[in-house]
Amino acid sequence: MNTPLRTVTNPSEMIAWSRSAHQAGETIALVPTMGALHRGHLALIEHARTIADRVVVSIFVNPLQFDRPDDFEHYPRPIDADVEVCAEHGVDAVYAPTAAVMYPAGYQTTVRIGALASVMEGASRPGHFDGVATVVTKLFTAVRPDLAVFGEKDFQQLTIVRRLTADLDLGVDVIGRPTVREADGLALSSRNTRLDQAQRRAALAVPRALEAAVHSAAHGARRADTVIDAALRVLADEPLAAVEYVAVFDTDDLSAVTDLDAHPHDRLRIAAAAFFGDVRLIDNCALFPS
C-alpha cells in the first residue's frame, strides 16, 4: 500500500525521514528540481521509481546559481501544483526548503568547481556551477539518496555533479536520462512557459541547429568548426535568436574539440545556448547518434 506523500521543508526532518527509510532496508532515489514540473521531470521521476524503493523530489529555486536577478525573479514557482503532480506520480516525499532555511543568516560555505565549470555554461554564467555544486551537496546531505537522477538537457551540469560526487566521496550513484522533447523537437524546459508565441516558434531554431550539425558530421565533416558553422547558419536565419555559444565537446572532460576523428565518436556532443527575448534556452545532443 502506498504511503501518503510527505512534504518536508527543513533538513533535520529530511534527514530523519531518510534515516528511517534506510533503517527499513529501503533505497532512496532523489530527483532534484527547481519546480515548475513538466514531462521531462516526470520521466525522471518514473525512472527513479524503477530503480529505488523510495523517491524524493526536491523543489528549490536556488538563488546561488542565477547570474541574472531578473531570471531568478521571474522563474516560475507553482509549488502547490508541483506537489500535487508529485502525489499523482507516486513520489514518497517532496523536499521543499526555503532560501532562508538553505542559506540562513551567517551562511558562508560554498563548493567551488574547477576546470569543468570554465567552459560553455560556466564561461557564460560565472559562478553558476559553484551555486549548483553547493546546493547539490546540501541536497545530498539532507536527503541521503542512494541514487540521483538528472536530465541530459543540462549535460554539463550532469558531468559536474558526477565529478563532485566522486571528488567528495558522497556515495551517490548519479544517473543521466535522455532529454524529453515536445513533438516539434523543442527540449522541455520550465523556462519555455515564459516564451511568447513568436519566441516559441523561433526557439525551434535551436534543435534545428543541432540537427544541422549532426547532418554535417554524418555527411563527412570532420572538423568541429565545420559542424558548428552548420548550426550557426540555422540560428543566423532566425532574427529572434541571440546566440550565446555553439560548442562541440568531449563528454569525458567537457574539453573543446577541433578534429572529430581525434576523439571516440560516441563521446562527442554539440551544445548551444541562445536568448529569445529575455529567455535563455540551452540544448545539446550526441554529434554521432547511435
Protein backbone atom coordinates (compact mmCIF):
# COMPACT_ATOMS: atom_id res chain seq x y z
CA MET A 1 0.00 0.00 0.00
CA ASN A 2 1.35 3.42 -1.00
CA THR A 3 2.02 5.82 1.84
CA PRO A 4 0.77 9.43 1.59
CA LEU A 5 3.16 11.99 0.12
CA ARG A 6 5.28 13.65 2.78
CA THR A 7 6.23 17.32 2.28
CA VAL A 8 9.40 18.29 4.14
CA THR A 9 10.72 21.82 4.49
CA ASN A 10 13.78 21.58 6.72
CA PRO A 11 16.95 19.47 6.57
CA SER A 12 16.67 17.87 10.03
CA GLU A 13 13.24 16.45 9.20
CA MET A 14 14.50 15.29 5.80
CA ILE A 15 17.50 13.55 7.39
CA ALA A 16 15.21 11.80 9.90
CA TRP A 17 12.86 10.63 7.11
CA SER A 18 15.76 9.28 5.07
CA ARG A 19 17.35 7.57 8.07
CA SER A 20 14.06 5.81 8.80
CA ALA A 21 13.79 4.59 5.20
CA HIS A 22 17.35 3.28 5.23
CA GLN A 23 16.85 1.56 8.57
CA ALA A 24 13.90 -0.25 6.99
CA GLY A 25 16.25 -1.51 4.29
CA GLU A 26 14.84 0.78 1.59
CA THR A 27 16.81 2.58 -1.11
CA ILE A 28 16.16 6.23 -1.96
CA ALA A 29 16.33 7.97 -5.34
CA LEU A 30 16.41 11.76 -5.49
CA VAL A 31 15.16 13.83 -8.42
CA PRO A 32 16.49 17.37 -7.87
CA THR A 33 14.36 20.10 -9.49
CA MET A 34 13.64 23.80 -9.32
CA GLY A 35 9.94 23.09 -9.69
CA ALA A 36 7.55 24.07 -12.48
CA LEU A 37 7.43 20.36 -13.22
CA HIS A 38 6.88 19.20 -16.79
CA ARG A 39 7.01 15.91 -18.70
CA GLY A 40 10.79 15.94 -18.60
CA HIS A 41 10.74 15.91 -14.82
CA LEU A 42 8.05 13.23 -14.83
CA ALA A 43 10.25 10.99 -16.98
CA LEU A 44 12.99 11.32 -14.35
CA ILE A 45 10.50 10.52 -11.59
CA GLU A 46 9.20 7.48 -13.44
CA HIS A 47 12.73 6.18 -13.92
CA ALA A 48 13.55 6.83 -10.26
CA ARG A 49 10.58 4.68 -9.26
CA THR A 50 12.05 1.74 -11.21
CA ILE A 51 15.45 1.86 -9.51
CA ALA A 52 14.68 2.61 -5.85
CA ASP A 53 12.17 1.79 -3.14
CA ARG A 54 11.51 5.43 -2.27
CA VAL A 55 11.52 8.55 -4.46
CA VAL A 56 12.20 12.06 -3.18
CA VAL A 57 11.72 15.13 -5.38
CA SER A 58 13.45 18.28 -4.22
CA ILE A 59 11.90 21.60 -5.24
CA PHE A 60 14.12 24.60 -4.64
CA VAL A 61 14.82 27.63 -6.82
CA ASN A 62 18.45 28.10 -5.86
CA PRO A 63 19.50 31.77 -5.78
CA LEU A 64 23.20 30.88 -5.85
CA GLN A 65 23.07 29.54 -9.41
CA PHE A 66 21.37 32.53 -11.06
CA ASP A 67 23.64 35.08 -12.70
CA ARG A 68 20.77 37.43 -13.65
CA PRO A 69 18.42 38.77 -10.94
CA ASP A 70 15.55 39.08 -13.45
CA ASP A 71 15.86 35.39 -14.36
CA PHE A 72 15.64 34.44 -10.68
CA GLU A 73 12.70 36.76 -10.03
CA HIS A 74 10.69 35.51 -12.99
CA TYR A 75 11.44 31.81 -12.60
CA PRO A 76 8.06 30.03 -12.22
CA ARG A 77 7.22 28.73 -8.73
CA PRO A 78 3.89 26.82 -8.83
CA ILE A 79 4.70 24.88 -5.66
CA ASP A 80 1.14 23.70 -4.86
CA ALA A 81 0.66 22.35 -8.38
CA ASP A 82 4.09 20.71 -8.26
CA VAL A 83 3.32 18.91 -5.00
CA GLU A 84 0.03 17.69 -6.48
CA VAL A 85 1.85 16.36 -9.55
CA CYS A 86 4.31 14.53 -7.29
CA ALA A 87 1.46 12.96 -5.35
CA GLU A 88 -0.15 11.79 -8.58
CA HIS A 89 3.08 10.16 -9.77
CA GLY A 90 3.95 8.09 -6.73
CA VAL A 91 6.58 10.33 -5.14
CA ASP A 92 7.13 9.46 -1.47
CA ALA A 93 8.48 12.78 -0.25
CA VAL A 94 8.91 16.32 -1.53
CA TYR A 95 11.79 18.25 -0.04
CA ALA A 96 10.93 21.94 -0.46
CA PRO A 97 13.11 24.11 1.77
CA THR A 98 13.07 27.91 1.61
CA ALA A 99 16.11 30.03 0.81
CA ALA A 100 16.17 31.16 4.44
CA VAL A 101 16.44 27.53 5.55
CA MET A 102 19.09 26.63 2.97
CA TYR A 103 21.17 29.78 3.46
CA PRO A 104 20.41 31.18 6.93
CA ALA A 105 21.99 34.30 8.38
CA GLY A 106 25.73 33.79 8.71
CA TYR A 107 25.91 31.15 5.96
CA GLN A 108 29.31 31.36 4.23
CA THR A 109 30.31 27.92 2.93
CA THR A 110 30.25 27.14 -0.77
CA VAL A 111 31.62 24.42 -3.05
CA ARG A 112 33.91 25.52 -5.87
CA ILE A 113 34.19 23.63 -9.15
CA GLY A 114 37.40 23.65 -11.19
CA ALA A 115 38.05 23.42 -14.93
CA LEU A 116 34.77 21.67 -15.79
CA ALA A 117 32.97 24.89 -14.86
CA SER A 118 35.13 27.15 -17.04
CA VAL A 119 33.57 26.33 -20.42
CA MET A 120 30.18 26.70 -22.14
CA GLU A 121 27.63 27.45 -19.40
CA GLY A 122 30.38 28.24 -16.92
CA ALA A 123 32.03 30.76 -19.24
CA SER A 124 28.69 32.41 -19.96
CA ARG A 125 27.45 32.35 -16.35
CA PRO A 126 30.37 32.88 -13.93
CA GLY A 127 29.74 31.27 -10.56
CA HIS A 128 26.73 29.31 -11.81
CA PHE A 129 28.20 25.87 -11.25
CA ASP A 130 29.61 26.78 -7.85
CA GLY A 131 26.00 27.53 -6.92
CA VAL A 132 24.85 24.24 -8.43
CA ALA A 133 27.57 22.29 -6.63
CA THR A 134 26.76 23.94 -3.31
CA VAL A 135 23.04 23.22 -3.48
CA VAL A 136 23.52 19.66 -4.76
CA THR A 137 25.89 18.95 -1.87
CA LYS A 138 23.31 20.28 0.59
CA LEU A 139 20.51 18.29 -1.03
CA PHE A 140 22.55 15.09 -0.97
CA THR A 141 23.46 15.72 2.67
CA ALA A 142 19.82 16.19 3.71
CA VAL A 143 18.14 13.55 1.55
CA ARG A 144 20.95 10.94 1.83
CA PRO A 145 19.96 9.34 -1.50
CA ASP A 146 21.46 6.16 -2.86
CA LEU A 147 20.81 7.38 -6.40
CA ALA A 148 20.10 10.73 -8.03
CA VAL A 149 18.51 11.20 -11.46
CA PHE A 150 19.32 14.16 -13.71
CA GLY A 151 18.31 15.03 -17.27
CA GLU A 152 20.83 15.22 -20.08
CA LYS A 153 19.50 18.57 -21.33
CA ASP A 154 21.86 20.11 -18.76
CA PHE A 155 24.70 17.80 -19.81
CA GLN A 156 27.47 19.97 -18.38
CA GLN A 157 25.64 20.04 -15.05
CA LEU A 158 25.30 16.24 -15.11
CA THR A 159 29.04 15.87 -15.75
CA ILE A 160 29.91 18.30 -12.96
CA VAL A 161 27.60 16.60 -10.45
CA ARG A 162 29.23 13.27 -11.25
CA ARG A 163 32.67 14.80 -10.69
CA LEU A 164 31.50 16.48 -7.48
CA THR A 165 30.08 13.21 -6.16
CA ALA A 166 33.28 11.31 -6.91
CA ASP A 167 35.62 14.01 -5.61
CA LEU A 168 33.79 14.49 -2.31
CA ASP A 169 33.03 10.78 -1.77
CA LEU A 170 29.32 11.48 -1.47
CA GLY A 171 28.39 7.88 -2.24
CA VAL A 172 25.53 8.69 -4.62
CA ASP A 173 25.07 6.96 -7.96
CA VAL A 174 24.33 9.81 -10.40
CA ILE A 175 22.20 8.71 -13.34
CA GLY A 176 21.58 10.67 -16.53
CA ARG A 177 18.43 10.31 -18.60
CA PRO A 178 17.73 11.44 -22.19
CA THR A 179 16.27 14.86 -22.93
CA VAL A 180 12.49 14.88 -23.32
CA ARG A 181 11.20 16.99 -26.20
CA GLU A 182 7.98 18.44 -27.50
CA ALA A 183 6.59 16.88 -30.66
CA ASP A 184 8.25 19.62 -32.72
CA GLY A 185 11.66 18.95 -31.19
CA LEU A 186 12.00 21.73 -28.62
CA ALA A 187 13.62 20.47 -25.42
CA LEU A 188 11.26 20.70 -22.47
CA SER A 189 12.22 23.42 -20.01
CA SER A 190 10.44 25.30 -17.26
CA ARG A 191 11.60 28.49 -19.00
CA ASN A 192 9.57 27.62 -22.12
CA THR A 193 6.45 28.92 -20.39
CA ARG A 194 7.93 32.42 -20.50
CA LEU A 195 8.18 32.45 -24.31
CA ASP A 196 5.51 34.35 -26.23
CA GLN A 197 4.09 32.77 -29.38
CA ALA A 198 6.64 34.31 -31.74
CA GLN A 199 9.53 33.38 -29.45
CA ARG A 200 8.21 29.85 -29.07
CA ARG A 201 8.23 29.40 -32.85
CA ALA A 202 11.67 30.97 -33.08
CA ALA A 203 13.05 28.69 -30.36
CA LEU A 204 12.77 25.74 -32.76
CA ALA A 205 15.91 27.13 -34.38
CA VAL A 206 17.90 25.61 -31.51
CA PRO A 207 17.03 21.93 -32.13
CA ARG A 208 17.16 22.59 -35.89
CA ALA A 209 20.68 23.97 -35.49
CA LEU A 210 21.77 20.87 -33.61
CA GLU A 211 20.21 18.69 -36.29
CA ALA A 212 22.13 20.62 -38.96
CA ALA A 213 25.38 19.94 -37.11
CA VAL A 214 24.59 16.23 -36.82
CA HIS A 215 23.73 16.14 -40.53
CA SER A 216 27.03 17.84 -41.35
CA ALA A 217 29.01 15.28 -39.33
CA ALA A 218 27.05 12.39 -40.82
CA HIS A 219 27.93 13.62 -44.32
CA GLY A 220 31.66 13.72 -43.81
CA ALA A 221 32.56 16.88 -41.91
CA ARG A 222 35.47 16.09 -39.63
CA ARG A 223 36.34 19.49 -38.20
CA ALA A 224 34.37 20.92 -35.29
CA ASP A 225 34.29 24.40 -36.80
CA THR A 226 32.56 22.99 -39.88
CA VAL A 227 29.71 21.42 -37.94
CA ILE A 228 29.48 24.48 -35.66
CA ASP A 229 29.14 26.68 -38.74
CA ALA A 230 26.29 24.47 -39.96
CA ALA A 231 24.47 25.11 -36.66
CA LEU A 232 25.26 28.83 -36.65
CA ARG A 233 23.82 29.27 -40.15
CA VAL A 234 20.47 27.93 -38.95
CA LEU A 235 20.48 30.23 -35.91
CA ALA A 236 21.51 33.21 -38.05
CA ASP A 237 18.38 32.71 -40.14
CA GLU A 238 16.19 33.26 -37.05
CA PRO A 239 16.04 37.00 -36.27
CA LEU A 240 14.66 36.46 -32.75
CA ALA A 241 17.59 34.27 -31.74
CA ALA A 242 20.57 35.88 -29.98
CA VAL A 243 23.24 33.19 -29.97
CA GLU A 244 25.46 32.87 -26.93
CA TYR A 245 27.53 29.85 -27.94
CA VAL A 246 27.66 26.69 -30.01
CA ALA A 247 30.31 24.18 -28.94
CA VAL A 248 31.44 20.66 -29.75
CA PHE A 249 32.87 18.89 -26.72
CA ASP A 250 34.17 15.59 -25.43
CA THR A 251 31.86 14.20 -22.76
CA ASP A 252 34.81 12.77 -20.86
CA ASP A 253 36.13 16.13 -19.67
CA LEU A 254 33.99 18.75 -21.50
CA SER A 255 37.06 19.83 -23.47
CA ALA A 256 36.59 21.66 -26.75
CA VAL A 257 37.09 19.53 -29.85
CA THR A 258 38.86 20.51 -33.07
CA ASP A 259 39.33 17.26 -35.02
CA LEU A 260 36.30 14.99 -34.67
CA ASP A 261 38.31 11.89 -35.53
CA ALA A 262 40.77 12.58 -32.70
CA HIS A 263 38.08 11.55 -30.20
CA PRO A 264 35.83 8.49 -29.92
CA HIS A 265 32.68 9.49 -31.78
CA ASP A 266 30.42 8.20 -29.02
CA ARG A 267 31.94 10.81 -26.68
CA LEU A 268 31.20 13.81 -28.90
CA ARG A 269 28.26 16.15 -28.28
CA ILE A 270 27.22 19.54 -29.56
CA ALA A 271 25.65 22.15 -27.29
CA ALA A 272 24.03 25.52 -27.91
CA ALA A 273 22.67 28.43 -25.88
CA ALA A 274 20.60 31.31 -27.19
CA PHE A 275 18.33 34.08 -25.95
CA PHE A 276 14.81 34.63 -27.21
CA GLY A 277 13.89 37.96 -25.72
CA ASP A 278 15.00 37.65 -22.10
CA VAL A 279 14.51 33.87 -22.04
CA ARG A 280 17.70 31.85 -22.29
CA LEU A 281 17.44 28.31 -23.66
CA ILE A 282 20.05 25.57 -23.82
CA ASP A 283 20.14 22.25 -25.63
CA ASN A 284 22.61 19.56 -26.66
CA CYS A 285 22.71 16.21 -28.42
CA ALA A 286 25.10 13.48 -29.49
CA LEU A 287 27.01 14.54 -32.60
CA PHE A 288 27.08 10.94 -33.83
CA PRO A 289 23.80 9.38 -32.61
CA SER A 290 24.00 5.63 -32.25
